[in-house]
Amino acid sequence: MNMYLYIYKSKDSPLLDIEIIHLGYTFEKWSRMTKKEQNDVISKYIFNNQSYHYFIKAE
């Protein structure tokens, strides 16, 4: 399974404006990373705009 980052701007209607990014990690590798390493990866895609909401999903 691969890890994907889902970024959306509106918490009320997330499906209207969503971006899906393949993070380049398998679930196994992602789960072995520390929380700081995971946050470092996420921060490459989410920066400057704190109004974004996101979640990580394995598919």
Protein backbone atom coordinates (compact mmCIF):
# COMPACT_ATOMS: atom_id res chain seq x y z
CA MET A 1 0.00 0.00 0.00
CA ASN A 2 1.18 3.51 -0.78
CA MET A 3 0.72 6.59 1.37
CA TYR A 4 -1.26 9.58 0.06
CA LEU A 5 -1.68 13.06 1.47
CA TYR A 6 -5.15 14.57 1.01
CA ILE A 7 -5.16 18.37 1.35
CA TYR A 8 -8.39 20.35 1.37
CA LYS A 9 -9.15 24.00 2.05
CA SER A 10 -12.67 23.77 3.46
CA LYS A 11 -13.58 21.61 6.40
CA ASP A 12 -17.28 22.01 5.53
CA SER A 13 -17.04 20.65 1.99
CA PRO A 14 -13.67 18.89 1.58
CA LEU A 15 -14.54 17.18 -1.70
CA LEU A 16 -15.00 20.48 -3.54
CA ASP A 17 -11.37 21.53 -3.37
CA ILE A 18 -9.05 18.62 -2.66
CA GLU A 19 -5.54 17.79 -3.77
CA ILE A 20 -4.17 14.25 -3.55
CA ILE A 21 -0.40 13.77 -3.39
CA HIS A 22 1.43 10.45 -3.51
CA LEU A 23 4.06 10.74 -0.79
CA GLY A 24 6.42 8.15 -2.26
CA TYR A 25 6.32 5.91 0.81
CA THR A 26 4.81 2.52 1.39
CA PHE A 27 2.67 1.98 4.47
CA GLU A 28 5.41 -0.18 6.01
CA LYS A 29 8.10 2.49 5.60
CA TRP A 30 5.77 5.30 6.73
CA SER A 31 4.76 3.42 9.87
CA ARG A 32 8.44 2.94 10.83
CA MET A 33 9.19 6.67 10.52
CA THR A 34 9.17 8.89 13.59
CA LYS A 35 6.45 11.50 13.95
CA LYS A 36 9.04 14.22 13.26
CA GLU A 37 10.14 12.52 10.02
CA GLN A 38 6.49 12.24 8.95
CA ASN A 39 5.88 15.91 9.78
CA ASP A 40 8.98 16.90 7.79
CA VAL A 41 7.55 15.13 4.73
CA ILE A 42 4.11 16.72 5.19
CA SER A 43 5.62 20.19 5.66
CA LYS A 44 7.03 20.01 2.12
CA TYR A 45 3.45 20.21 0.86
CA ILE A 46 1.72 22.28 3.53
CA PHE A 47 3.41 25.58 4.34
CA ASN A 48 2.58 29.27 4.81
CA ASN A 49 -1.17 28.61 4.75
CA GLN A 50 -2.35 27.24 8.06
CA SER A 51 -5.99 27.11 6.90
CA TYR A 52 -5.41 23.88 5.00
CA HIS A 53 -6.72 20.66 6.49
CA TYR A 54 -5.27 17.30 5.61
CA PHE A 55 -5.21 13.61 6.31
CA ILE A 56 -2.97 10.70 5.34
CA LYS A 57 -4.42 7.57 3.78
CA ALA A 58 -2.93 4.24 2.69
CA GLU A 59 -4.26 2.82 -0.56
